[in-house]
Amino acid sequence: MKKPYYAVIFTSTRTTGDNGYGKMAEFMELLAIKQPGFIGVESAREQIGITVSYWESLNAIHEWKQQADHVLAQKQGVAEWYDSYTVRICLVEREYSFNKNH
Protein backbone atom coordinates (compact mmCIF):
# COMPACT_ATOMS: atom_id res chain seq x y z
CA MET A 1 0.00 0.00 0.00
CA LYS A 2 1.21 3.47 -0.82
CA LYS A 3 2.08 5.36 2.36
CA PRO A 4 0.89 7.26 4.18
CA TYR A 5 -2.64 5.89 4.39
CA TYR A 6 -5.22 5.62 7.16
CA ALA A 7 -6.41 2.69 9.25
CA VAL A 8 -9.79 2.66 10.99
CA ILE A 9 -9.62 0.21 13.89
CA PHE A 10 -13.05 -0.91 15.08
CA THR A 11 -13.05 -3.04 18.23
CA SER A 12 -16.29 -4.37 19.67
CA THR A 13 -17.99 -6.69 22.09
CA ARG A 14 -21.18 -8.29 20.82
CA THR A 15 -24.57 -9.08 22.25
CA THR A 16 -25.69 -12.73 22.34
CA GLY A 17 -26.76 -14.35 19.06
CA ASP A 18 -26.22 -13.40 15.44
CA ASN A 19 -29.50 -11.56 14.85
CA GLY A 20 -28.55 -10.86 11.22
CA TYR A 21 -25.09 -9.52 12.09
CA GLY A 22 -23.14 -11.93 9.85
CA LYS A 23 -25.18 -11.12 6.77
CA MET A 24 -24.90 -7.38 7.39
CA ALA A 25 -21.14 -7.61 7.98
CA GLU A 26 -20.72 -9.34 4.61
CA PHE A 27 -22.88 -6.67 2.92
CA MET A 28 -20.90 -3.85 4.56
CA GLU A 29 -17.62 -5.31 3.32
CA LEU A 30 -18.95 -5.60 -0.24
CA LEU A 31 -20.24 -2.03 -0.02
CA ALA A 32 -16.97 -0.66 1.42
CA ILE A 33 -14.99 -2.22 -1.44
CA LYS A 34 -16.96 0.00 -3.84
CA GLN A 35 -16.26 3.19 -1.86
CA PRO A 36 -13.76 5.66 -3.37
CA GLY A 37 -10.56 5.61 -1.34
CA PHE A 38 -11.04 2.10 0.09
CA ILE A 39 -7.82 0.06 0.19
CA GLY A 40 -8.64 -3.11 2.14
CA VAL A 41 -9.99 -4.74 5.31
CA GLU A 42 -8.93 -7.36 7.86
CA SER A 43 -10.98 -8.74 10.75
CA ALA A 44 -10.98 -11.28 13.57
CA ARG A 45 -13.48 -12.21 16.26
CA GLU A 46 -13.05 -14.09 19.52
CA GLN A 47 -13.93 -12.47 22.86
CA ILE A 48 -13.70 -9.11 21.10
CA GLY A 49 -14.08 -8.29 17.43
CA ILE A 50 -11.40 -6.33 15.63
CA THR A 51 -11.92 -4.97 12.14
CA VAL A 52 -9.28 -2.78 10.52
CA SER A 53 -10.18 -1.02 7.30
CA TYR A 54 -7.65 0.90 5.24
CA TRP A 55 -8.33 4.17 3.43
CA GLU A 56 -6.50 6.64 1.21
CA SER A 57 -7.67 9.75 3.08
CA LEU A 58 -9.63 11.15 6.00
CA ASN A 59 -12.21 12.36 3.48
CA ALA A 60 -12.72 8.79 2.22
CA ILE A 61 -13.29 7.65 5.82
CA HIS A 62 -15.77 10.48 6.38
CA GLU A 63 -17.67 9.59 3.18
CA TRP A 64 -17.86 5.93 4.27
CA LYS A 65 -19.19 6.89 7.70
CA GLN A 66 -21.93 8.94 6.01
CA GLN A 67 -22.86 6.29 3.38
CA ALA A 68 -26.62 5.67 3.74
CA ASP A 69 -26.59 1.86 4.14
CA HIS A 70 -23.63 2.12 6.52
CA VAL A 71 -25.53 4.66 8.64
CA LEU A 72 -28.43 2.19 8.94
CA ALA A 73 -26.02 -0.61 9.92
CA GLN A 74 -24.44 1.65 12.55
CA LYS A 75 -27.85 2.35 14.09
CA GLN A 76 -28.77 -1.34 14.06
CA GLY A 77 -25.41 -2.14 15.65
CA VAL A 78 -26.10 0.15 18.59
CA ALA A 79 -29.66 -1.14 18.95
CA GLU A 80 -29.01 -4.88 18.53
CA TRP A 81 -25.47 -6.16 17.94
CA TYR A 82 -22.97 -4.39 20.19
CA ASP A 83 -22.54 -4.18 23.93
CA SER A 84 -19.68 -1.75 23.29
CA TYR A 85 -17.34 -0.53 20.57
CA THR A 86 -14.41 1.81 20.01
CA VAL A 87 -13.27 3.39 16.75
CA ARG A 88 -9.68 4.56 16.31
CA ILE A 89 -8.45 6.38 13.20
CA CYS A 90 -4.69 6.21 12.64
CA LEU A 91 -2.24 7.48 10.06
CA VAL A 92 0.02 4.66 8.83
CA GLU A 93 3.42 6.05 7.93
CA ARG A 94 5.41 2.83 7.99
CA GLU A 95 4.69 -0.90 7.89
CA TYR A 96 6.57 -4.18 7.78
CA SER A 97 5.55 -7.82 7.76
CA PHE A 98 6.79 -11.41 7.87
CA ASN A 99 5.48 -14.37 5.88
CA LYS A 100 7.22 -17.73 6.34
CA ASN A 101 5.75 -19.05 3.06
CA HIS A 102 7.22 -16.30 0.85
PDB file of N, CA and C in Angstrom:
ATOM      1  N   MET A   1       0.842  -1.181   0.000  1.00  0.00           N
ATOM      2  CA  MET A   1       0.000   0.000   0.000  1.00  0.00           C
ATOM      3  C   MET A   1       0.887   1.243   0.000  1.00  0.00           C
ATOM      4  N   LYS A   2       0.478   2.217  -0.755  1.00  0.00           N
ATOM      5  CA  LYS A   2       1.208   3.473  -0.819  1.00  0.00           C
ATOM      6  C   LYS A   2       1.031   4.229   0.497  1.00  0.00           C
ATOM      7  N   LYS A   3       2.129   4.654   1.090  1.00  0.00           N
ATOM      8  CA  LYS A   3       2.081   5.363   2.356  1.00  0.00           C
ATOM      9  C   LYS A   3       2.242   6.859   2.141  1.00  0.00           C
ATOM     10  N   PRO A   4       1.716   7.678   3.035  1.00  0.00           N
ATOM     11  CA  PRO A   4       0.889   7.263   4.176  1.00  0.00           C
ATOM     12  C   PRO A   4      -0.543   6.950   3.740  1.00  0.00           C
ATOM     13  N   TYR A   5      -1.220   6.170   4.567  1.00  0.00           N
ATOM     14  CA  TYR A   5      -2.636   5.886   4.391  1.00  0.00           C
ATOM     15  C   TYR A   5      -3.239   5.812   5.789  1.00  0.00           C
ATOM     16  N   TYR A   6      -4.532   5.632   5.872  1.00  0.00           N
ATOM     17  CA  TYR A   6      -5.221   5.622   7.158  1.00  0.00           C
ATOM     18  C   TYR A   6      -5.788   4.243   7.472  1.00  0.00           C
ATOM     19  N   ALA A   7      -5.791   3.917   8.756  1.00  0.00           N
ATOM     20  CA  ALA A   7      -6.409   2.693   9.253  1.00  0.00           C
ATOM     21  C   ALA A   7      -7.516   3.086  10.226  1.00  0.00           C
ATOM     22  N   VAL A   8      -8.688   2.506  10.041  1.00  0.00           N
ATOM     23  CA  VAL A   8      -9.791   2.660  10.986  1.00  0.00           C
ATOM     24  C   VAL A   8      -9.876   1.341  11.742  1.00  0.00           C
ATOM     25  N   ILE A   9      -9.613   1.406  13.034  1.00  0.00           N
ATOM     26  CA  ILE A   9      -9.625   0.211  13.885  1.00  0.00           C
ATOM     27  C   ILE A   9     -10.924   0.211  14.681  1.00  0.00           C
ATOM     28  N   PHE A  10     -11.757  -0.777  14.423  1.00  0.00           N
ATOM     29  CA  PHE A  10     -13.051  -0.906  15.083  1.00  0.00           C
ATOM     30  C   PHE A  10     -12.991  -2.135  15.976  1.00  0.00           C
ATOM     31  N   THR A  11     -13.023  -1.924  17.285  1.00  0.00           N
ATOM     32  CA  THR A  11     -13.052  -3.040  18.233  1.00  0.00           C
ATOM     33  C   THR A  11     -14.429  -3.064  18.891  1.00  0.00           C
ATOM     34  N   SER A  12     -14.943  -4.280  19.131  1.00  0.00           N
ATOM     35  CA  SER A  12     -16.293  -4.368  19.668  1.00  0.00           C
ATOM     36  C   SER A  12     -16.484  -5.614  20.512  1.00  0.00           C
ATOM     37  N   THR A  13     -17.461  -5.515  21.406  1.00  0.00           N
ATOM     38  CA  THR A  13     -17.995  -6.688  22.089  1.00  0.00           C
ATOM     39  C   THR A  13     -19.451  -6.805  21.646  1.00  0.00           C
ATOM     40  N   ARG A  14     -19.886  -8.032  21.412  1.00  0.00           N
ATOM     41  CA  ARG A  14     -21.184  -8.292  20.825  1.00  0.00           C
ATOM     42  C   ARG A  14     -22.214  -8.715  21.860  1.00  0.00           C
ATOM     43  N   THR A  15     -23.459  -8.522  21.496  1.00  0.00           N
ATOM     44  CA  THR A  15     -24.572  -9.084  22.249  1.00  0.00           C
ATOM     45  C   THR A  15     -24.668 -10.570  21.892  1.00  0.00           C
ATOM     46  N   THR A  16     -25.518 -11.295  22.582  1.00  0.00           N
ATOM     47  CA  THR A  16     -25.686 -12.726  22.338  1.00  0.00           C
ATOM     48  C   THR A  16     -26.476 -12.970  21.053  1.00  0.00           C
ATOM     49  N   GLY A  17     -26.045 -13.968  20.282  1.00  0.00           N
ATOM     50  CA  GLY A  17     -26.762 -14.347  19.061  1.00  0.00           C
ATOM     51  C   GLY A  17     -26.334 -13.531  17.856  1.00  0.00           C
ATOM     52  N   ASP A  18     -26.606 -14.066  16.686  1.00  0.00           N
ATOM     53  CA  ASP A  18     -26.216 -13.400  15.441  1.00  0.00           C
ATOM     54  C   ASP A  18     -27.179 -12.281  15.070  1.00  0.00           C
ATOM     55  N   ASN A  19     -28.469 -12.561  15.121  1.00  0.00           N
ATOM     56  CA  ASN A  19     -29.503 -11.560  14.846  1.00  0.00           C
ATOM     57  C   ASN A  19     -29.294 -10.806  13.538  1.00  0.00           C
ATOM     58  N   GLY A  20     -28.769 -11.489  12.523  1.00  0.00           N
ATOM     59  CA  GLY A  20     -28.551 -10.861  11.223  1.00  0.00           C
ATOM     60  C   GLY A  20     -27.214 -10.161  11.072  1.00  0.00           C
ATOM     61  N   TYR A  21     -26.380 -10.220  12.112  1.00  0.00           N
ATOM     62  CA  TYR A  21     -25.087  -9.521  12.086  1.00  0.00           C
ATOM     63  C   TYR A  21     -24.177 -10.036  10.970  1.00  0.00           C
ATOM     64  N   GLY A  22     -24.044 -11.353  10.835  1.00  0.00           N
ATOM     65  CA  GLY A  22     -23.136 -11.930   9.848  1.00  0.00           C
ATOM     66  C   GLY A  22     -23.468 -11.498   8.429  1.00  0.00           C
ATOM     67  N   LYS A  23     -24.742 -11.529   8.106  1.00  0.00           N
ATOM     68  CA  LYS A  23     -25.184 -11.122   6.771  1.00  0.00           C
ATOM     69  C   LYS A  23     -24.895  -9.642   6.534  1.00  0.00           C
ATOM     70  N   MET A  24     -25.155  -8.810   7.534  1.00  0.00           N
ATOM     71  CA  MET A  24     -24.904  -7.375   7.395  1.00  0.00           C
ATOM     72  C   MET A  24     -23.411  -7.099   7.283  1.00  0.00           C
ATOM     73  N   ALA A  25     -22.590  -7.810   8.048  1.00  0.00           N
ATOM     74  CA  ALA A  25     -21.138  -7.611   7.984  1.00  0.00           C
ATOM     75  C   ALA A  25     -20.619  -7.920   6.580  1.00  0.00           C
ATOM     76  N   GLU A  26     -21.114  -8.993   5.977  1.00  0.00           N
ATOM     77  CA  GLU A  26     -20.722  -9.335   4.605  1.00  0.00           C
ATOM     78  C   GLU A  26     -21.151  -8.240   3.630  1.00  0.00           C
ATOM     79  N   PHE A  27     -22.374  -7.742   3.787  1.00  0.00           N
ATOM     80  CA  PHE A  27     -22.881  -6.675   2.921  1.00  0.00           C
ATOM     81  C   PHE A  27     -22.049  -5.405   3.084  1.00  0.00           C
ATOM     82  N   MET A  28     -21.696  -5.060   4.322  1.00  0.00           N
ATOM     83  CA  MET A  28     -20.904  -3.851   4.557  1.00  0.00           C
ATOM     84  C   MET A  28     -19.529  -3.961   3.902  1.00  0.00           C
ATOM     85  N   GLU A  29     -18.925  -5.141   3.964  1.00  0.00           N
ATOM     86  CA  GLU A  29     -17.616  -5.309   3.320  1.00  0.00           C
ATOM     87  C   GLU A  29     -17.736  -5.149   1.806  1.00  0.00           C
ATOM     88  N   LEU A  30     -18.748  -5.747   1.201  1.00  0.00           N
ATOM     89  CA  LEU A  30     -18.946  -5.597  -0.244  1.00  0.00           C
ATOM     90  C   LEU A  30     -19.210  -4.145  -0.621  1.00  0.00           C
ATOM     91  N   LEU A  31     -19.940  -3.441   0.224  1.00  0.00           N
ATOM     92  CA  LEU A  31     -20.236  -2.034  -0.022  1.00  0.00           C
ATOM     93  C   LEU A  31     -18.979  -1.171   0.142  1.00  0.00           C
ATOM     94  N   ALA A  32     -18.190  -1.443   1.173  1.00  0.00           N
ATOM     95  CA  ALA A  32     -16.966  -0.665   1.418  1.00  0.00           C
ATOM     96  C   ALA A  32     -15.992  -0.788   0.257  1.00  0.00           C
ATOM     97  N   ILE A  33     -15.903  -1.990  -0.315  1.00  0.00           N
ATOM     98  CA  ILE A  33     -14.993  -2.221  -1.442  1.00  0.00           C
ATOM     99  C   ILE A  33     -15.290  -1.268  -2.598  1.00  0.00           C
ATOM    100  N   LYS A  34     -16.548  -0.886  -2.751  1.00  0.00           N
ATOM    101  CA  LYS A  34     -16.962  -0.002  -3.843  1.00  0.00           C
ATOM    102  C   LYS A  34     -16.747   1.476  -3.530  1.00  0.00           C
ATOM    103  N   GLN A  35     -16.429   1.797  -2.269  1.00  0.00           N
ATOM    104  CA  GLN A  35     -16.257   3.195  -1.862  1.00  0.00           C
ATOM    105  C   GLN A  35     -14.961   3.779  -2.418  1.00  0.00           C
ATOM    106  N   PRO A  36     -15.008   4.994  -2.961  1.00  0.00           N
ATOM    107  CA  PRO A  36     -13.764   5.655  -3.371  1.00  0.00           C
ATOM    108  C   PRO A  36     -12.818   5.791  -2.181  1.00  0.00           C
ATOM    109  N   GLY A  37     -11.561   5.480  -2.391  1.00  0.00           N
ATOM    110  CA  GLY A  37     -10.555   5.605  -1.343  1.00  0.00           C
ATOM    111  C   GLY A  37     -10.366   4.370  -0.487  1.00  0.00           C
ATOM    112  N   PHE A  38     -11.185   3.340  -0.679  1.00  0.00           N
ATOM    113  CA  PHE A  38     -11.039   2.095   0.091  1.00  0.00           C
ATOM    114  C   PHE A  38      -9.816   1.342  -0.400  1.00  0.00           C
ATOM    115  N   ILE A  39      -9.015   0.823   0.539  1.00  0.00           N
ATOM    116  CA  ILE A  39      -7.818   0.059   0.190  1.00  0.00           C
ATOM    117  C   ILE A  39      -7.977  -1.416   0.545  1.00  0.00           C
ATOM    118  N   GLY A  40      -8.515  -1.727   1.725  1.00  0.00           N
ATOM    119  CA  GLY A  40      -8.638  -3.114   2.142  1.00  0.00           C
ATOM    120  C   GLY A  40      -9.228  -3.230   3.532  1.00  0.00           C
ATOM    121  N   VAL A  41      -9.411  -4.486   3.982  1.00  0.00           N
ATOM    122  CA  VAL A  41      -9.988  -4.738   5.308  1.00  0.00           C
ATOM    123  C   VAL A  41      -9.466  -6.067   5.837  1.00  0.00           C
ATOM    124  N   GLU A  42      -9.301  -6.135   7.151  1.00  0.00           N
ATOM    125  CA  GLU A  42      -8.928  -7.360   7.864  1.00  0.00           C
ATOM    126  C   GLU A  42      -9.790  -7.423   9.118  1.00  0.00           C
ATOM    127  N   SER A  43     -10.178  -8.644   9.524  1.00  0.00           N
ATOM    128  CA  SER A  43     -10.975  -8.740  10.751  1.00  0.00           C
ATOM    129  C   SER A  43     -10.765 -10.072  11.442  1.00  0.00           C
ATOM    130  N   ALA A  44     -11.063 -10.072  12.743  1.00  0.00           N
ATOM    131  CA  ALA A  44     -10.977 -11.276  13.570  1.00  0.00           C
ATOM    132  C   ALA A  44     -12.002 -11.134  14.690  1.00  0.00           C
ATOM    133  N   ARG A  45     -12.526 -12.268  15.160  1.00  0.00           N
ATOM    134  CA  ARG A  45     -13.483 -12.213  16.264  1.00  0.00           C
ATOM    135  C   ARG A  45     -13.275 -13.402  17.184  1.00  0.00           C
ATOM    136  N   GLU A  46     -13.047 -13.099  18.443  1.00  0.00           N
ATOM    137  CA  GLU A  46     -13.051 -14.092  19.520  1.00  0.00           C
ATOM    138  C   GLU A  46     -13.862 -13.474  20.651  1.00  0.00           C
ATOM    139  N   GLN A  47     -13.208 -13.152  21.787  1.00  0.00           N
ATOM    140  CA  GLN A  47     -13.931 -12.466  22.860  1.00  0.00           C
ATOM    141  C   GLN A  47     -14.292 -11.045  22.436  1.00  0.00           C
ATOM    142  N   ILE A  48     -13.402 -10.420  21.677  1.00  0.00           N
ATOM    143  CA  ILE A  48     -13.704  -9.114  21.098  1.00  0.00           C
ATOM    144  C   ILE A  48     -13.536  -9.217  19.586  1.00  0.00           C
ATOM    145  N   GLY A  49     -14.241  -8.364  18.868  1.00  0.00           N
ATOM    146  CA  GLY A  49     -14.081  -8.294  17.428  1.00  0.00           C
ATOM    147  C   GLY A  49     -13.143  -7.158  17.090  1.00  0.00           C
ATOM    148  N   ILE A  50     -12.301  -7.373  16.108  1.00  0.00           N
ATOM    149  CA  ILE A  50     -11.402  -6.333  15.629  1.00  0.00           C
ATOM    150  C   ILE A  50     -11.507  -6.310  14.109  1.00  0.00           C
ATOM    151  N   THR A  51     -11.897  -5.176  13.579  1.00  0.00           N
ATOM    152  CA  THR A  51     -11.915  -4.972  12.135  1.00  0.00           C
ATOM    153  C   THR A  51     -11.081  -3.742  11.842  1.00  0.00           C
ATOM    154  N   VAL A  52     -10.125  -3.899  10.934  1.00  0.00           N
ATOM    155  CA  VAL A  52      -9.285  -2.778  10.524  1.00  0.00           C
ATOM    156  C   VAL A  52      -9.541  -2.558   9.043  1.00  0.00           C
ATOM    157  N   SER A  53     -10.019  -1.372   8.710  1.00  0.00           N
ATOM    158  CA  SER A  53     -10.179  -1.023   7.303  1.00  0.00           C
ATOM    159  C   SER A  53      -9.149   0.042   6.955  1.00  0.00           C
ATOM    160  N   TYR A  54      -8.725   0.025   5.695  1.00  0.00           N
ATOM    161  CA  TYR A  54      -7.648   0.902   5.239  1.00  0.00           C
ATOM    162  C   TYR A  54      -8.181   1.843   4.165  1.00  0.00           C
ATOM    163  N   TRP A  55      -7.778   3.116   4.278  1.00  0.00           N
ATOM    164  CA  TRP A  55      -8.334   4.170   3.426  1.00  0.00           C
ATOM    165  C   TRP A  55      -7.239   5.112   2.953  1.00  0.00           C
ATOM    166  N   GLU A  56      -7.460   5.709   1.789  1.00  0.00           N
ATOM    167  CA  GLU A  56      -6.497   6.637   1.211  1.00  0.00           C
ATOM    168  C   GLU A  56      -6.471   7.988   1.911  1.00  0.00           C
ATOM    169  N   SER A  57      -7.597   8.398   2.517  1.00  0.00           N
ATOM    170  CA  SER A  57      -7.673   9.751   3.078  1.00  0.00           C
ATOM    171  C   SER A  57      -8.710   9.828   4.195  1.00  0.00           C
ATOM    172  N   LEU A  58      -8.614  10.895   4.984  1.00  0.00           N
ATOM    173  CA  LEU A  58      -9.632  11.153   6.001  1.00  0.00           C
ATOM    174  C   LEU A  58     -10.983  11.433   5.348  1.00  0.00           C
ATOM    175  N   ASN A  59     -10.968  12.082   4.192  1.00  0.00           N
ATOM    176  CA  ASN A  59     -12.214  12.356   3.484  1.00  0.00           C
ATOM    177  C   ASN A  59     -12.904  11.055   3.067  1.00  0.00           C
ATOM    178  N   ALA A  60     -12.138  10.074   2.592  1.00  0.00           N
ATOM    179  CA  ALA A  60     -12.719   8.786   2.216  1.00  0.00           C
ATOM    180  C   ALA A  60     -13.368   8.115   3.421  1.00  0.00           C
ATOM    181  N   ILE A  61     -12.719   8.213   4.582  1.00  0.00           N
ATOM    182  CA  ILE A  61     -13.286   7.654   5.817  1.00  0.00           C
ATOM    183  C   ILE A  61     -14.587   8.371   6.170  1.00  0.00           C
ATOM    184  N   HIS A  62     -14.576   9.683   6.076  1.00  0.00           N
ATOM    185  CA  HIS A  62     -15.775  10.477   6.376  1.00  0.00           C
ATOM    186  C   HIS A  62     -16.931  10.090   5.443  1.00  0.00           C
ATOM    187  N   GLU A  63     -16.640   9.962   4.153  1.00  0.00           N
ATOM    188  CA  GLU A  63     -17.673   9.590   3.185  1.00  0.00           C
ATOM    189  C   GLU A  63     -18.243   8.202   3.494  1.00  0.00           C
ATOM    190  N   TRP A  64     -17.394   7.269   3.898  1.00  0.00           N
ATOM    191  CA  TRP A  64     -17.864   5.928   4.271  1.00  0.00           C
ATOM    192  C   TRP A  64     -18.766   5.995   5.493  1.00  0.00           C
ATOM    193  N   LYS A  65     -18.379   6.776   6.492  1.00  0.00           N
ATOM    194  CA  LYS A  65     -19.191   6.888   7.704  1.00  0.00           C
ATOM    195  C   LYS A  65     -20.573   7.450   7.387  1.00  0.00           C
ATOM    196  N   GLN A  66     -20.670   8.299   6.374  1.00  0.00           N
ATOM    197  CA  GLN A  66     -21.932   8.936   6.009  1.00  0.00           C
ATOM    198  C   GLN A  66     -22.737   8.146   4.976  1.00  0.00           C
ATOM    199  N   GLN A  67     -22.180   7.071   4.415  1.00  0.00           N
ATOM    200  CA  GLN A  67     -22.863   6.289   3.383  1.00  0.00           C
ATOM    201  C   GLN A  67     -24.184   5.756   3.952  1.00  0.00           C
ATOM    202  N   ALA A  68     -25.270   5.917   3.211  1.00  0.00           N
ATOM    203  CA  ALA A  68     -26.624   5.672   3.736  1.00  0.00           C
ATOM    204  C   ALA A  68     -26.811   4.271   4.323  1.00  0.00           C
ATOM    205  N   ASP A  69     -26.417   3.217   3.611  1.00  0.00           N
ATOM    206  CA  ASP A  69     -26.586   1.863   4.143  1.00  0.00           C
ATOM    207  C   ASP A  69     -25.698   1.633   5.358  1.00  0.00           C
ATOM    208  N   HIS A  70     -24.522   2.241   5.373  1.00  0.00           N
ATOM    209  CA  HIS A  70     -23.626   2.120   6.518  1.00  0.00           C
ATOM    210  C   HIS A  70     -24.224   2.816   7.742  1.00  0.00           C
ATOM    211  N   VAL A  71     -24.857   3.956   7.537  1.00  0.00           N
ATOM    212  CA  VAL A  71     -25.527   4.662   8.641  1.00  0.00           C
ATOM    213  C   VAL A  71     -26.606   3.775   9.257  1.00  0.00           C
ATOM    214  N   LEU A  72     -27.393   3.106   8.419  1.00  0.00           N
ATOM    215  CA  LEU A  72     -28.432   2.190   8.938  1.00  0.00           C
ATOM    216  C   LEU A  72     -27.808   1.041   9.722  1.00  0.00           C
ATOM    217  N   ALA A  73     -26.704   0.480   9.212  1.00  0.00           N
ATOM    218  CA  ALA A  73     -26.021  -0.609   9.918  1.00  0.00           C
ATOM    219  C   ALA A  73     -25.473  -0.128  11.253  1.00  0.00           C
ATOM    220  N   GLN A  74     -24.949   1.098  11.296  1.00  0.00           N
ATOM    221  CA  GLN A  74     -24.442   1.647  12.553  1.00  0.00           C
ATOM    222  C   GLN A  74     -25.564   1.742  13.591  1.00  0.00           C
ATOM    223  N   LYS A  75     -26.711   2.228  13.172  1.00  0.00           N
ATOM    224  CA  LYS A  75     -27.851   2.348  14.088  1.00  0.00           C
ATOM    225  C   LYS A  75     -28.317   0.987  14.575  1.00  0.00           C
ATOM    226  N   GLN A  76     -28.359   0.006  13.668  1.00  0.00           N
ATOM    227  CA  GLN A  76     -28.768  -1.343  14.061  1.00  0.00           C
ATOM    228  C   GLN A  76     -27.736  -1.957  14.999  1.00  0.00           C
ATOM    229  N   GLY A  77     -26.463  -1.655  14.765  1.00  0.00           N
ATOM    230  CA  GLY A  77     -25.405  -2.141  15.646  1.00  0.00           C
ATOM    231  C   GLY A  77     -25.591  -1.671  17.077  1.00  0.00           C
ATOM    232  N   VAL A  78     -25.882  -0.400  17.246  1.00  0.00           N
ATOM    233  CA  VAL A  78     -26.100   0.150  18.587  1.00  0.00           C
ATOM    234  C   VAL A  78     -27.348  -0.451  19.221  1.00  0.00           C
ATOM    235  N   ALA A  79     -28.396  -0.628  18.418  1.00  0.00           N
ATOM    236  CA  ALA A  79     -29.664  -1.142  18.946  1.00  0.00           C
ATOM    237  C   ALA A  79     -29.628  -2.635  19.246  1.00  0.00           C
ATOM    238  N   GLU A  80     -28.884  -3.434  18.424  1.00  0.00           N
ATOM    239  CA  GLU A  80     -29.005  -4.878  18.529  1.00  0.00           C
ATOM    240  C   GLU A  80     -27.711  -5.663  18.720  1.00  0.00           C
ATOM    241  N   TRP A  81     -26.623  -5.269  18.075  1.00  0.00           N
ATOM    242  CA  TRP A  81     -25.471  -6.161  17.944  1.00  0.00           C
ATOM    243  C   TRP A  81     -24.320  -5.920  18.903  1.00  0.00           C
ATOM    244  N   TYR A  82     -24.156  -4.700  19.394  1.00  0.00           N
ATOM    245  CA  TYR A  82     -22.968  -4.389  20.193  1.00  0.00           C
ATOM    246  C   TYR A  82     -23.308  -4.061  21.636  1.00  0.00           C
ATOM    247  N   ASP A  83     -22.519  -4.641  22.546  1.00  0.00           N
ATOM    248  CA  ASP A  83     -22.537  -4.184  23.931  1.00  0.00           C
ATOM    249  C   ASP A  83     -21.665  -2.944  24.060  1.00  0.00           C
ATOM    250  N   SER A  84     -20.574  -2.912  23.277  1.00  0.00           N
ATOM    251  CA  SER A  84     -19.682  -1.754  23.286  1.00  0.00           C
ATOM    252  C   SER A  84     -18.837  -1.769  22.014  1.00  0.00           C
ATOM    253  N   TYR A  85     -18.320  -0.603  21.656  1.00  0.00           N
ATOM    254  CA  TYR A  85     -17.343  -0.534  20.574  1.00  0.00           C
ATOM    255  C   TYR A  85     -16.491   0.713  20.709  1.00  0.00           C
ATOM    256  N   THR A  86     -15.333   0.679  20.077  1.00  0.00           N
ATOM    257  CA  THR A  86     -14.415   1.814  20.013  1.00  0.00           C
ATOM    258  C   THR A  86     -13.898   1.910  18.582  1.00  0.00           C
ATOM    259  N   VAL A  87     -13.819   3.133  18.080  1.00  0.00           N
ATOM    260  CA  VAL A  87     -13.266   3.388  16.755  1.00  0.00           C
ATOM    261  C   VAL A  87     -12.015   4.247  16.933  1.00  0.00           C
ATOM    262  N   ARG A  88     -10.927   3.810  16.299  1.00  0.00           N
ATOM    263  CA  ARG A  88      -9.678   4.563  16.312  1.00  0.00           C
ATOM    264  C   ARG A  88      -9.268   4.808  14.863  1.00  0.00           C
ATOM    265  N   ILE A  89      -8.896   6.038  14.545  1.00  0.00           N
ATOM    266  CA  ILE A  89      -8.446   6.380  13.201  1.00  0.00           C
ATOM    267  C   ILE A  89      -6.979   6.771  13.297  1.00  0.00           C
ATOM    268  N   CYS A  90      -6.146   6.064  12.530  1.00  0.00           N
ATOM    269  CA  CYS A  90      -4.693   6.212  12.639  1.00  0.00           C
ATOM    270  C   CYS A  90      -4.071   6.467  11.275  1.00  0.00           C
ATOM    271  N   LEU A  91      -3.031   7.266  11.259  1.00  0.00           N
ATOM    272  CA  LEU A  91      -2.236   7.482  10.058  1.00  0.00           C
ATOM    273  C   LEU A  91      -1.116   6.445  10.042  1.00  0.00           C
ATOM    274  N   VAL A  92      -1.033   5.673   8.972  1.00  0.00           N
ATOM    275  CA  VAL A  92       0.017   4.660   8.827  1.00  0.00           C
ATOM    276  C   VAL A  92       1.133   5.271   7.988  1.00  0.00           C
ATOM    277  N   GLU A  93       2.269   5.460   8.621  1.00  0.00           N
ATOM    278  CA  GLU A  93       3.415   6.049   7.926  1.00  0.00           C
ATOM    279  C   GLU A  93       4.449   5.007   7.532  1.00  0.00           C
ATOM    280  N   ARG A  94       4.424   3.880   8.233  1.00  0.00           N
ATOM    281  CA  ARG A  94       5.406   2.829   7.989  1.00  0.00           C
ATOM    282  C   ARG A  94       4.759   1.494   8.308  1.00  0.00           C
ATOM    283  N   GLU A  95       5.179   0.447   7.606  1.00  0.00           N
ATOM    284  CA  GLU A  95       4.691  -0.900   7.893  1.00  0.00           C
ATOM    285  C   GLU A  95       5.784  -1.902   7.539  1.00  0.00           C
ATOM    286  N   TYR A  96       5.714  -3.046   8.151  1.00  0.00           N
ATOM    287  CA  TYR A  96       6.568  -4.182   7.775  1.00  0.00           C
ATOM    288  C   TYR A  96       5.850  -5.443   8.142  1.00  0.00           C
ATOM    289  N   SER A  97       6.251  -6.565   7.514  1.00  0.00           N
ATOM    290  CA  SER A  97       5.550  -7.824   7.764  1.00  0.00           C
ATOM    291  C   SER A  97       6.525  -8.995   7.590  1.00  0.00           C
ATOM    292  N   PHE A  98       6.055 -10.169   7.998  1.00  0.00           N
ATOM    293  CA  PHE A  98       6.794 -11.408   7.870  1.00  0.00           C
ATOM    294  C   PHE A  98       5.833 -12.458   7.328  1.00  0.00           C
ATOM    295  N   ASN A  99       6.291 -13.286   6.402  1.00  0.00           N
ATOM    296  CA  ASN A  99       5.485 -14.368   5.882  1.00  0.00           C
ATOM    297  C   ASN A  99       6.428 -15.551   5.610  1.00  0.00           C
ATOM    298  N   LYS A 100       6.325 -16.566   6.430  1.00  0.00           N
ATOM    299  CA  LYS A 100       7.217 -17.735   6.336  1.00  0.00           C
ATOM    300  C   LYS A 100       7.115 -18.415   4.972  1.00  0.00           C
ATOM    301  N   ASN A 101       5.957 -18.352   4.323  1.00  0.00           N
ATOM    302  CA  ASN A 101       5.754 -19.053   3.057  1.00  0.00           C
ATOM    303  C   ASN A 101       6.254 -18.284   1.837  1.00  0.00           C
ATOM    304  N   HIS A 102       6.738 -17.082   2.007  1.00  0.00           N
ATOM    305  CA  HIS A 102       7.223 -16.304   0.850  1.00  0.00           C
ATOM    306  C   HIS A 102       8.649 -15.891   1.034  1.00  0.00           C
TER     307      HIS A 102
END
